[in-house]
C-alpha atoms as a PDB file:
ATOM      1  CA  MET A   1      56.382 -51.338 158.803  1.00  0.00           C
ATOM      2  CA  ASN A   2      58.411 -53.832 156.745  1.00  0.00           C
ATOM      3  CA  ASN A   3      57.550 -57.356 157.875  1.00  0.00           C
ATOM      4  CA  LYS A   4      60.540 -58.679 155.887  1.00  0.00           C
ATOM      5  CA  ARG A   5      63.000 -56.979 158.232  1.00  0.00           C
ATOM      6  CA  PRO A   6      65.343 -59.745 159.439  1.00  0.00           C
ATOM      7  CA  VAL A   7      66.011 -60.426 163.101  1.00  0.00           C
ATOM      8  CA  TRP A   8      69.588 -59.581 164.148  1.00  0.00           C
ATOM      9  CA  ASP A   9      70.997 -63.123 163.871  1.00  0.00           C
ATOM     10  CA  LYS A  10      69.689 -63.526 160.317  1.00  0.00           C
ATOM     11  CA  TYR A  11      70.870 -60.016 159.410  1.00  0.00           C
ATOM     12  CA  PHE A  12      74.443 -60.782 160.469  1.00  0.00           C
ATOM     13  CA  LEU A  13      74.322 -64.213 158.789  1.00  0.00           C
ATOM     14  CA  LYS A  14      73.321 -62.442 155.578  1.00  0.00           C
ATOM     15  CA  LEU A  15      76.386 -60.217 156.004  1.00  0.00           C
ATOM     16  CA  ALA A  16      78.502 -63.377 156.368  1.00  0.00           C
ATOM     17  CA  MET A  17      76.915 -64.697 153.156  1.00  0.00           C
ATOM     18  CA  LEU A  18      77.819 -61.432 151.435  1.00  0.00           C
ATOM     19  CA  ALA A  19      81.409 -61.649 152.742  1.00  0.00           C
ATOM     20  CA  SER A  20      81.633 -65.199 151.350  1.00  0.00           C
ATOM     21  CA  GLU A  21      81.119 -63.788 147.853  1.00  0.00           C
ATOM     22  CA  ARG A  22      84.685 -62.392 148.078  1.00  0.00           C
ATOM     23  CA  ALA A  23      86.173 -65.888 148.619  1.00  0.00           C
ATOM     24  CA  THR A  24      88.856 -66.889 146.140  1.00  0.00           C
ATOM     25  CA  CYS A  25      88.975 -70.667 146.690  1.00  0.00           C
ATOM     26  CA  PRO A  26      86.468 -72.516 144.498  1.00  0.00           C
ATOM     27  CA  ARG A  27      86.367 -75.523 146.844  1.00  0.00           C
ATOM     28  CA  MET A  28      84.235 -73.632 149.376  1.00  0.00           C
ATOM     29  CA  HIS A  29      83.047 -70.080 149.816  1.00  0.00           C
ATOM     30  CA  CYS A  30      82.755 -69.183 153.482  1.00  0.00           C
ATOM     31  CA  GLY A  31      82.181 -65.879 155.252  1.00  0.00           C
ATOM     32  CA  CYS A  32      82.566 -64.784 158.864  1.00  0.00           C
ATOM     33  CA  VAL A  33      81.376 -61.627 160.611  1.00  0.00           C
ATOM     34  CA  LEU A  34      82.482 -60.855 164.175  1.00  0.00           C
ATOM     35  CA  VAL A  35      79.900 -58.818 166.061  1.00  0.00           C
ATOM     36  CA  LYS A  36      79.567 -57.365 169.556  1.00  0.00           C
ATOM     37  CA  ASP A  37      76.627 -55.335 170.813  1.00  0.00           C
ATOM     38  CA  ARG A  38      75.147 -55.351 167.285  1.00  0.00           C
ATOM     39  CA  PHE A  39      78.314 -53.698 165.962  1.00  0.00           C
ATOM     40  CA  VAL A  40      80.417 -55.331 163.247  1.00  0.00           C
ATOM     41  CA  LEU A  41      83.986 -55.676 164.509  1.00  0.00           C
ATOM     42  CA  ALA A  42      85.556 -57.489 161.548  1.00  0.00           C
ATOM     43  CA  THR A  43      84.741 -59.613 158.519  1.00  0.00           C
ATOM     44  CA  GLY A  44      86.542 -62.375 156.711  1.00  0.00           C
ATOM     45  CA  TYR A  45      86.251 -64.812 153.848  1.00  0.00           C
ATOM     46  CA  ASN A  46      88.407 -67.706 152.724  1.00  0.00           C
ATOM     47  CA  GLY A  47      91.169 -66.396 150.534  1.00  0.00           C
ATOM     48  CA  SER A  48      94.887 -66.352 149.892  1.00  0.00           C
ATOM     49  CA  LEU A  49      97.445 -64.489 151.930  1.00  0.00           C
ATOM     50  CA  PRO A  50      97.907 -60.843 150.920  1.00  0.00           C
ATOM     51  CA  GLY A  51      99.993 -60.561 147.769  1.00  0.00           C
ATOM     52  CA  GLN A  52      99.862 -64.294 147.065  1.00  0.00           C
ATOM     53  CA  PRO A  53      98.114 -65.929 144.096  1.00  0.00           C
ATOM     54  CA  HIS A  54      94.489 -66.938 144.448  1.00  0.00           C
ATOM     55  CA  CYS A  55      93.200 -70.477 143.942  1.00  0.00           C
ATOM     56  CA  GLU A  56      90.787 -69.248 141.293  1.00  0.00           C
ATOM     57  CA  ASP A  57      93.803 -67.974 139.305  1.00  0.00           C
ATOM     58  CA  VAL A  58      96.433 -70.695 139.827  1.00  0.00           C
ATOM     59  CA  GLY A  59      94.522 -73.634 141.293  1.00  0.00           C
ATOM     60  CA  CYS A  60      94.153 -75.032 144.768  1.00  0.00           C
ATOM     61  CA  LEU A  61      97.088 -76.355 146.776  1.00  0.00           C
ATOM     62  CA  VAL A  62      95.556 -79.464 148.340  1.00  0.00           C
ATOM     63  CA  VAL A  63      97.164 -81.346 151.232  1.00  0.00           C
ATOM     64  CA  ASP A  64      95.239 -84.127 153.000  1.00  0.00           C
ATOM     65  CA  ASN A  65      92.094 -83.138 151.076  1.00  0.00           C
ATOM     66  CA  HIS A  66      92.270 -79.497 152.286  1.00  0.00           C
ATOM     67  CA  CYS A  67      93.311 -76.450 150.326  1.00  0.00           C
ATOM     68  CA  VAL A  68      96.223 -74.886 152.196  1.00  0.00           C
ATOM     69  CA  ARG A  69      96.694 -71.902 149.854  1.00  0.00           C
ATOM     70  CA  THR A  70      93.913 -70.012 151.649  1.00  0.00           C
ATOM     71  CA  ASN A  71      93.184 -68.801 155.140  1.00  0.00           C
ATOM     72  CA  HIS A  72      89.699 -69.621 156.334  1.00  0.00           C
ATOM     73  CA  ALA A  73      87.105 -66.904 156.864  1.00  0.00           C
ATOM     74  CA  GLU A  74      87.369 -67.057 160.672  1.00  0.00           C
ATOM     75  CA  ILE A  75      91.156 -66.625 160.621  1.00  0.00           C
ATOM     76  CA  ASN A  76      90.900 -63.705 158.187  1.00  0.00           C
ATOM     77  CA  ALA A  77      88.281 -62.017 160.401  1.00  0.00           C
ATOM     78  CA  LEU A  78      90.462 -62.495 163.494  1.00  0.00           C
ATOM     79  CA  VAL A  79      93.517 -61.159 161.644  1.00  0.00           C
ATOM     80  CA  GLN A  80      91.550 -58.123 160.439  1.00  0.00           C
ATOM     81  CA  ALA A  81      90.486 -57.402 164.025  1.00  0.00           C
ATOM     82  CA  ALA A  82      94.061 -57.824 165.303  1.00  0.00           C
ATOM     83  CA  ARG A  83      95.504 -55.547 162.603  1.00  0.00           C
ATOM     84  CA  HIS A  84      93.082 -52.814 163.666  1.00  0.00           C
ATOM     85  CA  GLY A  85      93.447 -53.345 167.427  1.00  0.00           C
ATOM     86  CA  VAL A  86      89.885 -54.588 167.903  1.00  0.00           C
ATOM     87  CA  THR A  87      89.231 -56.915 170.834  1.00  0.00           C
ATOM     88  CA  ILE A  88      87.004 -59.907 170.162  1.00  0.00           C
ATOM     89  CA  LYS A  89      86.346 -61.019 173.750  1.00  0.00           C
ATOM     90  CA  GLY A  90      82.627 -61.617 174.276  1.00  0.00           C
ATOM     91  CA  ALA A  91      81.766 -61.268 170.578  1.00  0.00           C
ATOM     92  CA  THR A  92      79.595 -63.473 168.380  1.00  0.00           C
ATOM     93  CA  ALA A  93      80.953 -65.126 165.233  1.00  0.00           C
ATOM     94  CA  TYR A  94      78.427 -65.367 162.399  1.00  0.00           C
ATOM     95  CA  ILE A  95      79.744 -68.003 160.009  1.00  0.00           C
ATOM     96  CA  THR A  96      78.239 -69.497 156.869  1.00  0.00           C
ATOM     97  CA  ASN A  97      79.767 -72.932 157.562  1.00  0.00           C
ATOM     98  CA  MET A  98      80.633 -74.630 160.844  1.00  0.00           C
ATOM     99  CA  SER A  99      84.283 -73.985 161.629  1.00  0.00           C
ATOM    100  CA  CYS A 100      87.044 -76.444 161.033  1.00  0.00           C
ATOM    101  CA  THR A 101      88.811 -77.608 164.189  1.00  0.00           C
ATOM    102  CA  THR A 102      91.678 -75.116 163.808  1.00  0.00           C
ATOM    103  CA  CYS A 103      89.363 -72.117 163.306  1.00  0.00           C
ATOM    104  CA  ALA A 104      87.226 -73.167 166.278  1.00  0.00           C
ATOM    105  CA  LYS A 105      90.327 -73.236 168.463  1.00  0.00           C
ATOM    106  CA  ALA A 106      91.373 -69.773 167.246  1.00  0.00           C
ATOM    107  CA  LEU A 107      87.911 -68.304 167.899  1.00  0.00           C
ATOM    108  CA  ILE A 108      87.788 -69.879 171.362  1.00  0.00           C
ATOM    109  CA  ALA A 109      91.263 -68.537 172.191  1.00  0.00           C
ATOM    110  CA  SER A 110      90.181 -65.055 171.042  1.00  0.00           C
ATOM    111  CA  GLY A 111      87.307 -65.023 173.540  1.00  0.00           C
ATOM    112  CA  ILE A 112      84.298 -65.599 171.277  1.00  0.00           C
ATOM    113  CA  SER A 113      81.248 -66.342 173.425  1.00  0.00           C
ATOM    114  CA  ARG A 114      78.755 -67.347 170.748  1.00  0.00           C
ATOM    115  CA  VAL A 115      78.726 -68.850 167.256  1.00  0.00           C
ATOM    116  CA  VAL A 116      75.782 -68.559 164.848  1.00  0.00           C
ATOM    117  CA  VAL A 117      75.942 -70.774 161.788  1.00  0.00           C
ATOM    118  CA  PHE A 118      73.613 -72.253 159.178  1.00  0.00           C
ATOM    119  CA  SER A 119      75.697 -74.950 157.484  1.00  0.00           C
ATOM    120  CA  ASP A 120      77.626 -77.930 158.819  1.00  0.00           C
ATOM    121  CA  PHE A 121      81.284 -78.638 158.117  1.00  0.00           C
ATOM    122  CA  HIS A 122      82.438 -82.196 157.611  1.00  0.00           C
ATOM    123  CA  ASP A 123      85.062 -83.952 159.718  1.00  0.00           C
ATOM    124  CA  THR A 124      85.561 -81.388 162.474  1.00  0.00           C
ATOM    125  CA  LEU A 125      85.784 -81.289 166.254  1.00  0.00           C
ATOM    126  CA  ALA A 126      84.547 -77.690 166.338  1.00  0.00           C
ATOM    127  CA  THR A 127      81.198 -78.481 167.962  1.00  0.00           C
ATOM    128  CA  ASP A 128      82.901 -80.459 170.731  1.00  0.00           C
ATOM    129  CA  PHE A 129      85.518 -77.757 171.296  1.00  0.00           C
ATOM    130  CA  TYR A 130      82.940 -74.950 171.349  1.00  0.00           C
ATOM    131  CA  THR A 131      80.718 -76.885 173.757  1.00  0.00           C
ATOM    132  CA  ASN A 132      83.606 -77.776 176.098  1.00  0.00           C
ATOM    133  CA  ALA A 133      84.732 -74.121 176.119  1.00  0.00           C
ATOM    134  CA  GLY A 134      81.239 -72.871 176.991  1.00  0.00           C
ATOM    135  CA  VAL A 135      80.712 -71.167 173.637  1.00  0.00           C
ATOM    136  CA  GLU A 136      77.033 -71.072 172.735  1.00  0.00           C
ATOM    137  CA  ILE A 137      76.275 -72.569 169.308  1.00  0.00           C
ATOM    138  CA  VAL A 138      73.142 -71.399 167.489  1.00  0.00           C
ATOM    139  CA  LYS A 139      72.262 -73.297 164.303  1.00  0.00           C
ATOM    140  CA  LEU A 140      69.740 -71.506 162.094  1.00  0.00           C
ATOM    141  CA  ASP A 141      68.281 -72.213 158.695  1.00  0.00           C
ATOM    142  CA  MET A 142      70.074 -70.461 155.866  1.00  0.00           C
ATOM    143  CA  PRO A 143      68.690 -66.924 155.583  1.00  0.00           C
ATOM    144  CA  ASP A 144      66.726 -65.960 152.517  1.00  0.00           C
ATOM    145  CA  ARG A 145      69.159 -64.896 149.811  1.00  0.00           C
ATOM    146  CA  GLU A 146      66.843 -62.108 148.710  1.00  0.00           C
ATOM    147  CA  ILE A 147      67.842 -58.590 149.640  1.00  0.00           C
ATOM    148  CA  ASN A 148      64.791 -56.475 150.392  1.00  0.00           C
ATOM    149  CA  TYR A 149      66.083 -53.204 149.053  1.00  0.00           C
ATOM    150  CA  ASN A 150      63.405 -50.657 148.281  1.00  0.00           C
ATOM    151  CA  ILE A 151      64.354 -47.174 147.140  1.00  0.00           C
ATOM    152  CA  GLU A 152      61.198 -46.593 145.170  1.00  0.00           C
ATOM    153  CA  GLY A 153      59.748 -44.153 147.697  1.00  0.00           C
ATOM    154  CA  TYR A 154      63.034 -42.275 147.906  1.00  0.00           C
ATOM    155  CA  SER A 155      63.528 -41.895 144.182  1.00  0.00           C
ATOM    156  CA  SER A 156      59.897 -40.870 143.664  1.00  0.00           C
ATOM    157  CA  ALA A 157      60.266 -38.166 146.291  1.00  0.00           C
ATOM    158  CA  ARG A 158      63.438 -36.847 144.616  1.00  0.00           C
ATOM    159  CA  LYS A 159      61.798 -36.769 141.188  1.00  0.00           C
ATOM    160  CA  THR A 160      58.856 -34.849 142.612  1.00  0.00           C
ATOM    161  CA  GLU A 161      61.141 -32.292 144.263  1.00  0.00           C
ATOM    162  CA  LYS A 162      63.230 -31.842 141.093  1.00  0.00           C
ATOM    163  CA  SER A 163      60.178 -31.300 138.930  1.00  0.00           C
ATOM    164  CA  LYS A 164      59.008 -28.344 141.062  1.00  0.00           C
END
């Protein structure tokens, strides 16, 4: 038995970390995974609108100290779910960074019941909005960045079979 197997919340936070690697705004990489009944409904990362230039290519468009060229990870996850007809009501949002106020409002309006996060976001009312809406907030330590991927046994078995 692998004692490094992550519990579900850390597993889905690691998926949010992986999604954040797709982010195209250098000011902050954020990932969001929407999950219900241990099933991934949608993912998102902060990035430009489809077909539009990315911050990493043309620079950030900053208004009031926020880059407005990109959608945030939560919005992109919600849009992905909407485009595919997936309902979010009762789901959990796994997010690398605490939502901004606007994203918190969108998640609340979509019916999210729980938020799991490991990093704070500055200057936001998200925590207050989530709490007032009855959305459970779980703050965890950042999951280990290591991926425990072991195929050694598999590849050894294949080599043995091929050599017969």
